[in-house]
N, C-alpha and C. Protein backbone atom coordinates (compact mmCIF):
# COMPACT_ATOMS: atom_id res chain seq x y z
N MET A 1 -29.34 -6.90 1.39
CA MET A 1 -29.20 -7.05 -0.10
C MET A 1 -29.49 -8.45 -0.52
N PRO A 2 -30.23 -8.82 -1.62
CA PRO A 2 -30.42 -10.04 -1.94
C PRO A 2 -29.13 -10.86 -2.32
N GLN A 3 -29.16 -12.11 -2.07
CA GLN A 3 -27.93 -12.98 -2.25
C GLN A 3 -27.42 -12.78 -3.64
N ARG A 4 -28.29 -12.81 -4.64
CA ARG A 4 -27.80 -12.79 -6.02
C ARG A 4 -27.08 -11.43 -6.35
N TRP A 5 -27.49 -10.27 -5.76
CA TRP A 5 -26.75 -9.05 -5.92
C TRP A 5 -25.36 -9.13 -5.26
N THR A 6 -25.32 -9.70 -4.01
CA THR A 6 -24.08 -9.85 -3.39
C THR A 6 -23.14 -10.71 -4.19
N THR A 7 -23.65 -11.82 -4.70
CA THR A 7 -22.80 -12.72 -5.53
C THR A 7 -22.34 -11.92 -6.80
N PHE A 8 -23.20 -11.18 -7.42
CA PHE A 8 -22.88 -10.42 -8.63
C PHE A 8 -21.78 -9.51 -8.32
N PHE A 9 -21.98 -8.68 -7.21
CA PHE A 9 -21.01 -7.69 -6.92
C PHE A 9 -19.59 -8.31 -6.54
N ALA A 10 -19.63 -9.41 -5.79
CA ALA A 10 -18.39 -10.20 -5.54
C ALA A 10 -17.70 -10.56 -6.78
N ALA A 11 -18.46 -11.10 -7.75
CA ALA A 11 -17.81 -11.57 -9.07
C ALA A 11 -17.20 -10.36 -9.83
N VAL A 12 -17.92 -9.23 -9.83
CA VAL A 12 -17.37 -8.13 -10.47
C VAL A 12 -16.16 -7.55 -9.87
N VAL A 13 -16.09 -7.51 -8.52
CA VAL A 13 -14.91 -7.01 -7.90
C VAL A 13 -13.71 -8.04 -8.00
N LEU A 14 -14.09 -9.32 -8.08
CA LEU A 14 -13.01 -10.34 -8.15
C LEU A 14 -12.28 -10.26 -9.51
N VAL A 15 -13.16 -9.98 -10.57
CA VAL A 15 -12.68 -9.81 -11.98
C VAL A 15 -11.81 -8.48 -11.85
N ALA A 16 -12.35 -7.47 -11.30
CA ALA A 16 -11.55 -6.16 -11.36
C ALA A 16 -10.20 -6.27 -10.47
N THR A 17 -10.30 -7.02 -9.37
CA THR A 17 -8.99 -7.21 -8.62
C THR A 17 -8.01 -7.97 -9.37
N THR A 18 -8.52 -9.09 -10.00
CA THR A 18 -7.59 -9.96 -10.75
C THR A 18 -6.84 -9.11 -11.96
N ALA A 19 -7.80 -8.24 -12.57
CA ALA A 19 -7.19 -7.39 -13.64
C ALA A 19 -6.26 -6.44 -13.03
N ALA A 20 -6.49 -5.77 -11.91
CA ALA A 20 -5.69 -4.87 -11.32
C ALA A 20 -4.31 -5.44 -10.92
N VAL A 21 -4.32 -6.63 -10.23
CA VAL A 21 -3.10 -7.29 -10.00
C VAL A 21 -2.26 -7.69 -11.22
N GLY A 22 -3.00 -8.34 -12.26
CA GLY A 22 -2.44 -8.74 -13.47
C GLY A 22 -1.78 -7.48 -14.22
N SER A 23 -2.61 -6.36 -14.13
CA SER A 23 -2.00 -5.15 -14.76
C SER A 23 -0.71 -4.72 -14.16
N ALA A 24 -0.72 -4.68 -12.80
CA ALA A 24 0.46 -4.28 -12.08
C ALA A 24 1.58 -5.17 -12.47
N GLN A 25 1.36 -6.46 -12.70
CA GLN A 25 2.44 -7.34 -12.95
C GLN A 25 2.89 -7.20 -14.39
N ARG A 26 1.96 -6.88 -15.21
CA ARG A 26 2.36 -6.67 -16.74
C ARG A 26 3.02 -5.37 -16.95
N ASN A 27 2.55 -4.28 -16.25
CA ASN A 27 3.00 -2.94 -16.43
C ASN A 27 4.42 -2.74 -15.71
N GLY A 28 4.66 -3.42 -14.66
CA GLY A 28 5.92 -3.39 -13.95
C GLY A 28 6.59 -4.68 -13.95
N ASN A 29 7.92 -4.61 -13.92
CA ASN A 29 8.67 -5.92 -13.71
C ASN A 29 8.95 -6.09 -12.24
N PRO A 30 9.01 -7.31 -11.83
CA PRO A 30 9.33 -7.63 -10.45
C PRO A 30 10.73 -7.05 -10.15
N PRO A 31 10.93 -6.60 -8.89
CA PRO A 31 12.29 -6.19 -8.54
C PRO A 31 13.26 -7.37 -8.77
N ILE A 32 14.61 -7.04 -8.94
CA ILE A 32 15.62 -8.01 -9.21
C ILE A 32 15.57 -8.97 -8.08
N GLU A 33 15.47 -8.49 -6.82
CA GLU A 33 15.38 -9.26 -5.61
C GLU A 33 14.02 -8.97 -4.99
N PRO A 34 13.23 -10.02 -4.53
CA PRO A 34 11.99 -9.48 -3.89
C PRO A 34 12.24 -8.69 -2.71
N VAL A 35 11.33 -7.73 -2.47
CA VAL A 35 11.44 -6.82 -1.34
C VAL A 35 10.90 -7.43 -0.07
N SER A 36 11.71 -7.33 0.97
CA SER A 36 11.22 -7.89 2.29
C SER A 36 10.18 -6.94 2.88
N ILE A 37 9.07 -7.60 3.51
CA ILE A 37 8.04 -6.76 4.02
C ILE A 37 7.51 -7.45 5.34
N PHE A 38 7.32 -6.59 6.33
CA PHE A 38 6.66 -7.04 7.49
C PHE A 38 5.21 -6.52 7.58
N VAL A 39 4.23 -7.36 7.84
CA VAL A 39 2.88 -6.87 7.93
C VAL A 39 2.43 -7.19 9.45
N GLY A 40 1.90 -6.15 10.04
CA GLY A 40 1.41 -6.37 11.39
C GLY A 40 0.52 -5.22 11.78
N PRO A 41 0.09 -5.24 13.10
CA PRO A 41 -0.77 -4.18 13.62
C PRO A 41 0.22 -2.88 13.97
N ARG A 42 -0.33 -1.81 14.12
CA ARG A 42 0.35 -0.63 14.63
C ARG A 42 0.60 -0.82 16.15
N GLU A 43 1.90 -0.38 16.51
CA GLU A 43 2.18 -0.56 17.93
C GLU A 43 2.39 0.83 18.49
N ARG A 44 1.84 1.07 19.67
CA ARG A 44 2.05 2.38 20.31
C ARG A 44 2.35 2.18 21.80
N ASP A 45 3.32 2.72 22.36
CA ASP A 45 3.69 2.65 23.73
C ASP A 45 3.74 1.13 24.22
N GLY A 46 4.19 0.26 23.33
CA GLY A 46 4.35 -1.14 23.67
C GLY A 46 3.17 -1.95 23.49
N PHE A 47 1.97 -1.26 23.19
CA PHE A 47 0.75 -2.04 22.94
C PHE A 47 0.39 -2.11 21.41
N LYS A 48 -0.03 -3.25 21.10
CA LYS A 48 -0.49 -3.48 19.72
C LYS A 48 -1.93 -3.12 19.49
N ASP A 49 -2.26 -2.30 18.53
CA ASP A 49 -3.64 -1.87 18.22
C ASP A 49 -4.13 -3.00 17.37
N ILE A 50 -4.78 -4.00 17.91
CA ILE A 50 -5.28 -5.24 17.21
C ILE A 50 -6.60 -5.59 17.71
N ASN A 51 -7.45 -6.07 16.77
CA ASN A 51 -8.73 -6.78 17.09
C ASN A 51 -8.99 -7.83 16.11
N ARG A 52 -9.94 -8.62 16.16
CA ARG A 52 -10.18 -9.76 15.30
C ARG A 52 -10.23 -9.29 13.83
N GLY A 53 -10.81 -8.16 13.46
CA GLY A 53 -10.87 -7.69 12.04
C GLY A 53 -9.45 -7.36 11.49
N ILE A 54 -8.70 -6.70 12.24
CA ILE A 54 -7.35 -6.38 11.94
C ILE A 54 -6.46 -7.62 11.75
N ALA A 55 -6.62 -8.58 12.68
CA ALA A 55 -5.79 -9.87 12.59
C ALA A 55 -6.24 -10.58 11.31
N ASP A 56 -7.51 -10.65 10.96
CA ASP A 56 -7.91 -11.30 9.79
C ASP A 56 -7.38 -10.62 8.55
N SER A 57 -7.39 -9.27 8.53
CA SER A 57 -6.76 -8.54 7.38
C SER A 57 -5.27 -8.77 7.21
N ILE A 58 -4.55 -8.83 8.38
CA ILE A 58 -3.18 -9.16 8.32
C ILE A 58 -2.93 -10.51 7.60
N THR A 59 -3.71 -11.48 8.00
CA THR A 59 -3.59 -12.73 7.37
C THR A 59 -3.97 -12.64 5.91
N ASP A 60 -5.05 -12.00 5.54
CA ASP A 60 -5.40 -11.82 4.10
C ASP A 60 -4.23 -11.17 3.27
N ILE A 61 -3.62 -10.09 3.75
CA ILE A 61 -2.60 -9.34 3.18
C ILE A 61 -1.35 -10.23 2.99
N ARG A 62 -0.93 -10.99 4.04
CA ARG A 62 0.12 -11.93 4.00
C ARG A 62 -0.06 -12.94 2.97
N ASN A 63 -1.30 -13.51 2.88
CA ASN A 63 -1.61 -14.44 1.82
C ASN A 63 -1.53 -13.90 0.45
N SER A 64 -1.97 -12.66 0.25
CA SER A 64 -1.91 -12.03 -1.02
C SER A 64 -0.46 -11.78 -1.38
N LEU A 65 0.32 -11.38 -0.45
CA LEU A 65 1.83 -11.04 -0.66
C LEU A 65 2.56 -12.36 -1.06
N SER A 66 2.16 -13.38 -0.42
CA SER A 66 2.72 -14.78 -0.65
C SER A 66 2.52 -15.24 -2.07
N ARG A 67 1.36 -14.87 -2.63
CA ARG A 67 1.02 -15.21 -4.05
C ARG A 67 1.80 -14.37 -5.06
N ASN A 68 2.50 -13.43 -4.57
CA ASN A 68 3.40 -12.50 -5.45
C ASN A 68 4.78 -12.61 -5.05
N GLU A 69 5.30 -13.86 -4.88
CA GLU A 69 6.67 -14.11 -4.38
C GLU A 69 7.78 -13.55 -5.27
N ASP A 70 7.61 -13.19 -6.51
CA ASP A 70 8.50 -12.48 -7.33
C ASP A 70 8.83 -11.04 -6.85
N TRP A 71 7.79 -10.55 -6.05
CA TRP A 71 7.73 -9.11 -5.74
C TRP A 71 8.12 -9.01 -4.24
N PHE A 72 7.64 -9.85 -3.40
CA PHE A 72 7.78 -9.73 -1.95
C PHE A 72 8.21 -11.01 -1.18
N VAL A 73 8.98 -10.83 -0.18
CA VAL A 73 9.25 -11.97 0.73
C VAL A 73 8.74 -11.49 2.13
N LEU A 74 7.90 -12.36 2.73
CA LEU A 74 7.37 -11.95 4.02
C LEU A 74 8.47 -12.06 5.14
N SER A 75 8.53 -11.09 6.05
CA SER A 75 9.37 -11.13 7.12
C SER A 75 8.55 -11.11 8.34
N PHE A 76 8.82 -11.96 9.21
CA PHE A 76 8.07 -11.98 10.56
C PHE A 76 8.90 -11.34 11.57
N ASP A 77 10.00 -10.62 11.29
CA ASP A 77 10.82 -9.89 12.18
C ASP A 77 10.88 -8.47 11.50
N GLU A 78 10.10 -7.48 12.05
CA GLU A 78 10.09 -6.18 11.46
C GLU A 78 11.49 -5.42 11.37
N GLY A 79 12.37 -5.83 12.25
CA GLY A 79 13.68 -5.18 12.15
C GLY A 79 14.50 -5.66 11.00
N ASN A 80 14.22 -6.78 10.43
CA ASN A 80 14.95 -7.26 9.22
C ASN A 80 14.18 -6.96 7.97
N ALA A 81 13.02 -6.33 7.92
CA ALA A 81 12.23 -6.11 6.72
C ALA A 81 12.63 -4.67 6.15
N LEU A 82 12.62 -4.55 4.94
CA LEU A 82 12.94 -3.24 4.18
C LEU A 82 11.64 -2.47 4.40
N LEU A 83 10.53 -3.00 4.17
CA LEU A 83 9.24 -2.29 4.28
C LEU A 83 8.38 -2.81 5.47
N LYS A 84 7.64 -1.94 6.03
CA LYS A 84 6.67 -2.34 7.11
C LYS A 84 5.28 -1.85 6.67
N LEU A 85 4.30 -2.72 6.72
CA LEU A 85 2.96 -2.43 6.39
C LEU A 85 2.17 -2.58 7.70
N GLU A 86 1.71 -1.48 8.25
CA GLU A 86 0.77 -1.50 9.47
C GLU A 86 -0.62 -1.58 9.09
N VAL A 87 -1.32 -2.46 9.59
CA VAL A 87 -2.79 -2.57 9.32
C VAL A 87 -3.47 -1.78 10.42
N LEU A 88 -4.05 -0.69 10.04
CA LEU A 88 -4.63 0.29 11.05
C LEU A 88 -6.06 -0.05 11.43
N GLY A 89 -6.89 -0.63 10.51
CA GLY A 89 -8.15 -0.89 10.70
C GLY A 89 -8.92 -1.30 9.37
N ARG A 90 -10.24 -1.65 9.68
CA ARG A 90 -11.04 -1.94 8.47
C ARG A 90 -12.50 -1.55 8.86
N GLY A 91 -13.37 -1.40 7.83
CA GLY A 91 -14.69 -1.04 8.12
C GLY A 91 -15.50 -1.17 6.85
N VAL A 92 -16.82 -1.07 7.03
CA VAL A 92 -17.83 -1.15 5.98
C VAL A 92 -18.51 0.18 5.80
N SER A 93 -18.64 0.58 4.52
CA SER A 93 -19.41 1.85 4.30
C SER A 93 -20.35 1.58 3.07
N LEU A 94 -21.29 2.44 2.90
CA LEU A 94 -22.13 2.33 1.70
C LEU A 94 -21.36 3.11 0.60
N THR A 95 -21.48 2.63 -0.57
CA THR A 95 -20.85 3.17 -1.74
C THR A 95 -21.48 4.51 -2.08
N GLY A 96 -22.74 4.71 -1.86
CA GLY A 96 -23.43 5.84 -2.44
C GLY A 96 -24.05 5.64 -3.64
N ASP A 97 -23.76 4.54 -4.32
CA ASP A 97 -24.32 4.28 -5.66
C ASP A 97 -25.55 3.44 -5.43
N MET A 98 -26.49 3.60 -6.28
CA MET A 98 -27.77 2.79 -6.20
C MET A 98 -27.89 1.93 -7.38
N VAL A 99 -28.11 0.67 -7.22
CA VAL A 99 -28.32 -0.22 -8.29
C VAL A 99 -29.79 -0.65 -8.28
N ALA A 100 -30.43 -0.60 -9.41
CA ALA A 100 -31.89 -0.99 -9.42
C ALA A 100 -32.12 -1.90 -10.64
N THR A 101 -33.00 -2.78 -10.43
CA THR A 101 -33.46 -3.65 -11.54
C THR A 101 -34.98 -3.80 -11.51
N THR A 102 -35.54 -4.09 -12.62
CA THR A 102 -37.01 -4.20 -12.63
C THR A 102 -37.31 -5.75 -13.03
N ILE A 103 -38.16 -6.35 -12.27
CA ILE A 103 -38.49 -7.69 -12.55
C ILE A 103 -40.05 -7.67 -12.58
N GLY A 104 -40.61 -7.88 -13.73
CA GLY A 104 -42.01 -7.70 -13.87
C GLY A 104 -42.47 -6.31 -13.62
N GLN A 105 -43.35 -6.06 -12.60
CA GLN A 105 -43.73 -4.75 -12.22
C GLN A 105 -43.11 -4.22 -10.95
N THR A 106 -42.13 -5.00 -10.51
CA THR A 106 -41.41 -4.64 -9.26
C THR A 106 -40.06 -4.19 -9.54
N THR A 107 -39.69 -3.06 -8.96
CA THR A 107 -38.35 -2.47 -9.05
C THR A 107 -37.66 -2.74 -7.72
N ILE A 108 -36.48 -3.32 -7.77
CA ILE A 108 -35.72 -3.61 -6.60
C ILE A 108 -34.40 -2.69 -6.70
N ALA A 109 -34.25 -1.99 -5.56
CA ALA A 109 -33.15 -1.02 -5.48
C ALA A 109 -32.25 -1.42 -4.33
N ALA A 110 -30.86 -1.36 -4.39
CA ALA A 110 -30.02 -1.61 -3.43
C ALA A 110 -28.82 -0.68 -3.48
N VAL A 111 -28.26 -0.36 -2.31
CA VAL A 111 -26.93 0.41 -2.15
C VAL A 111 -25.98 -0.52 -1.67
N PRO A 112 -25.03 -0.91 -2.50
CA PRO A 112 -23.96 -1.86 -2.19
C PRO A 112 -23.04 -1.31 -1.14
N GLU A 113 -22.53 -2.20 -0.35
CA GLU A 113 -21.53 -1.99 0.65
C GLU A 113 -20.07 -2.09 0.12
N LYS A 114 -19.21 -1.33 0.74
CA LYS A 114 -17.83 -1.38 0.34
C LYS A 114 -16.99 -1.67 1.61
N GLN A 115 -16.18 -2.76 1.52
CA GLN A 115 -15.31 -3.11 2.66
C GLN A 115 -13.98 -2.40 2.40
N SER A 116 -13.47 -1.78 3.37
CA SER A 116 -12.13 -1.03 3.30
C SER A 116 -11.21 -1.55 4.35
N VAL A 117 -9.96 -1.65 3.86
CA VAL A 117 -8.88 -1.95 4.82
C VAL A 117 -7.83 -0.87 4.66
N VAL A 118 -7.46 -0.23 5.82
CA VAL A 118 -6.67 0.87 5.87
C VAL A 118 -5.28 0.51 6.50
N THR A 119 -4.21 0.84 5.76
CA THR A 119 -2.86 0.45 6.22
C THR A 119 -1.92 1.71 6.02
N LEU A 120 -0.79 1.57 6.61
CA LEU A 120 0.22 2.58 6.49
C LEU A 120 1.55 1.88 6.09
N LEU A 121 2.12 2.21 4.99
CA LEU A 121 3.29 1.72 4.43
C LEU A 121 4.52 2.53 4.98
N LYS A 122 5.55 1.85 5.52
CA LYS A 122 6.71 2.64 6.04
C LYS A 122 7.94 2.03 5.40
N ALA A 123 8.85 2.98 4.84
CA ALA A 123 10.21 2.55 4.38
C ALA A 123 11.11 3.60 4.88
N GLY A 124 11.91 3.22 5.91
CA GLY A 124 12.77 4.22 6.58
C GLY A 124 11.82 5.26 7.30
N SER A 125 12.09 6.47 7.04
CA SER A 125 11.16 7.52 7.61
C SER A 125 10.02 7.94 6.75
N TYR A 126 9.85 7.28 5.59
CA TYR A 126 8.81 7.62 4.65
C TYR A 126 7.58 6.79 5.01
N GLU A 127 6.43 7.44 4.99
CA GLU A 127 5.13 6.88 5.23
C GLU A 127 4.08 7.20 4.16
N LEU A 128 3.35 6.14 3.84
CA LEU A 128 2.26 6.35 2.82
C LEU A 128 1.00 5.54 3.20
N PRO A 129 -0.10 6.22 3.38
CA PRO A 129 -1.34 5.44 3.59
C PRO A 129 -1.80 4.73 2.36
N VAL A 130 -2.20 3.39 2.57
CA VAL A 130 -2.54 2.60 1.35
C VAL A 130 -3.94 1.96 1.84
N ILE A 131 -4.83 2.26 1.08
CA ILE A 131 -6.28 1.91 1.43
C ILE A 131 -6.79 0.96 0.22
N GLY A 132 -7.31 -0.21 0.69
CA GLY A 132 -7.89 -1.06 -0.36
C GLY A 132 -9.35 -1.11 -0.04
N ASP A 133 -10.15 -0.87 -1.01
CA ASP A 133 -11.68 -1.00 -0.81
C ASP A 133 -12.36 -1.43 -2.00
N GLY A 134 -13.50 -2.04 -1.85
CA GLY A 134 -14.22 -2.53 -2.95
C GLY A 134 -15.45 -3.40 -2.39
N GLU A 135 -16.32 -3.74 -3.32
CA GLU A 135 -17.49 -4.56 -2.90
C GLU A 135 -17.22 -6.02 -2.85
N GLY A 136 -16.02 -6.49 -3.00
CA GLY A 136 -15.72 -7.87 -3.10
C GLY A 136 -15.33 -8.58 -1.85
N GLY A 137 -15.35 -7.80 -0.75
CA GLY A 137 -14.99 -8.46 0.62
C GLY A 137 -13.63 -8.09 0.99
N TRP A 138 -13.35 -8.59 2.19
CA TRP A 138 -12.01 -8.24 2.83
C TRP A 138 -10.89 -8.72 2.03
N ARG A 139 -10.88 -9.87 1.48
CA ARG A 139 -9.79 -10.40 0.75
C ARG A 139 -9.52 -9.57 -0.54
N ALA A 140 -10.58 -9.19 -1.18
CA ALA A 140 -10.48 -8.38 -2.39
C ALA A 140 -9.78 -7.08 -2.06
N ALA A 141 -10.24 -6.46 -0.91
CA ALA A 141 -9.61 -5.17 -0.47
C ALA A 141 -8.09 -5.46 -0.14
N SER A 142 -7.78 -6.50 0.45
CA SER A 142 -6.35 -6.87 0.69
C SER A 142 -5.53 -7.05 -0.57
N ASP A 143 -6.16 -7.75 -1.55
CA ASP A 143 -5.61 -7.88 -2.83
C ASP A 143 -5.23 -6.55 -3.56
N LEU A 144 -6.17 -5.53 -3.43
CA LEU A 144 -6.00 -4.20 -3.94
C LEU A 144 -4.85 -3.49 -3.27
N ILE A 145 -4.67 -3.77 -2.02
CA ILE A 145 -3.54 -3.09 -1.27
C ILE A 145 -2.24 -3.65 -1.88
N VAL A 146 -2.18 -4.91 -2.05
CA VAL A 146 -0.95 -5.57 -2.64
C VAL A 146 -0.72 -5.06 -4.10
N ALA A 147 -1.78 -4.91 -4.81
CA ALA A 147 -1.61 -4.38 -6.26
C ALA A 147 -1.03 -2.98 -6.21
N ASP A 148 -1.46 -2.14 -5.18
CA ASP A 148 -1.01 -0.84 -5.14
C ASP A 148 0.50 -0.89 -4.57
N LEU A 149 0.84 -1.87 -3.71
CA LEU A 149 2.16 -1.92 -3.29
C LEU A 149 3.15 -2.32 -4.50
N MET A 150 2.68 -3.16 -5.35
CA MET A 150 3.39 -3.57 -6.51
C MET A 150 3.71 -2.31 -7.40
N VAL A 151 2.77 -1.51 -7.61
CA VAL A 151 2.97 -0.27 -8.40
C VAL A 151 3.96 0.61 -7.65
N TRP A 152 3.79 0.76 -6.39
CA TRP A 152 4.73 1.63 -5.56
C TRP A 152 6.19 1.03 -5.65
N VAL A 153 6.33 -0.22 -5.45
CA VAL A 153 7.64 -0.83 -5.45
C VAL A 153 8.34 -0.55 -6.92
N ASP A 154 7.50 -0.82 -7.88
CA ASP A 154 8.03 -0.62 -9.24
C ASP A 154 8.37 0.82 -9.51
N SER A 155 7.72 1.85 -8.96
CA SER A 155 7.94 3.26 -9.12
C SER A 155 9.20 3.72 -8.26
N ASN A 156 9.59 2.92 -7.25
CA ASN A 156 10.51 3.37 -6.25
C ASN A 156 11.68 2.44 -6.24
N ARG A 157 11.97 1.72 -7.29
CA ARG A 157 13.05 0.74 -7.34
C ARG A 157 14.34 1.26 -6.93
N SER A 158 14.84 2.31 -7.48
CA SER A 158 16.21 2.85 -7.25
C SER A 158 16.30 3.33 -5.78
N ARG A 159 15.27 4.03 -5.27
CA ARG A 159 15.33 4.43 -3.87
C ARG A 159 15.35 3.28 -2.99
N LEU A 160 14.63 2.12 -3.32
CA LEU A 160 14.60 0.99 -2.42
C LEU A 160 15.97 0.33 -2.52
N ARG A 161 16.60 0.35 -3.67
CA ARG A 161 18.01 -0.29 -3.73
C ARG A 161 18.91 0.44 -2.78
N ARG A 162 18.82 1.84 -2.87
CA ARG A 162 19.76 2.66 -1.94
C ARG A 162 19.45 2.42 -0.48
N LEU A 163 18.10 2.39 -0.20
CA LEU A 163 17.68 2.05 1.30
C LEU A 163 18.28 0.65 1.61
N GLN A 164 18.13 -0.29 0.89
CA GLN A 164 18.69 -1.68 1.14
C GLN A 164 20.17 -1.63 1.38
N SER A 165 20.87 -0.89 0.60
CA SER A 165 22.37 -0.85 0.75
C SER A 165 22.84 -0.23 2.00
N THR A 166 21.97 0.56 2.63
CA THR A 166 22.35 1.23 3.84
C THR A 166 22.05 0.39 5.08
N ARG A 167 21.44 -0.68 4.88
CA ARG A 167 21.06 -1.61 6.00
C ARG A 167 22.12 -2.56 6.33
């Protein structure tokens, strides 16, 4: 894909991501007390399912959560966190959409790529897959996950308060 198309798509997704996070902040009020959240890899039989991509996405999600400190407080001890977000993996797929432009007598067509980060949110025995995907790169996908988490927290405030009081 030509560099200018990549730059164009990155700019479009950045604007969309910023709007999505801003919309979540405007449509919902932050919780009275920020929700504690642990972000890490899935662990099975004592082994952590992690590779460089998952480690990078964990860092991206933690950074995005840190920028929303009215909503979340990062916990590095999963036993003390109200929520746990397991980063399961990430990948690149084609969007299936074709973008074409004509320059003079030449038509250039491209199929943009979409970066996806797959996570699993846990609150007690409750589990919810949360997927961030878009053409803006891994950080944009991580920002979309955090925007979805903000909507989820806003919609589940009373249940989260009850869960917190039992801890």
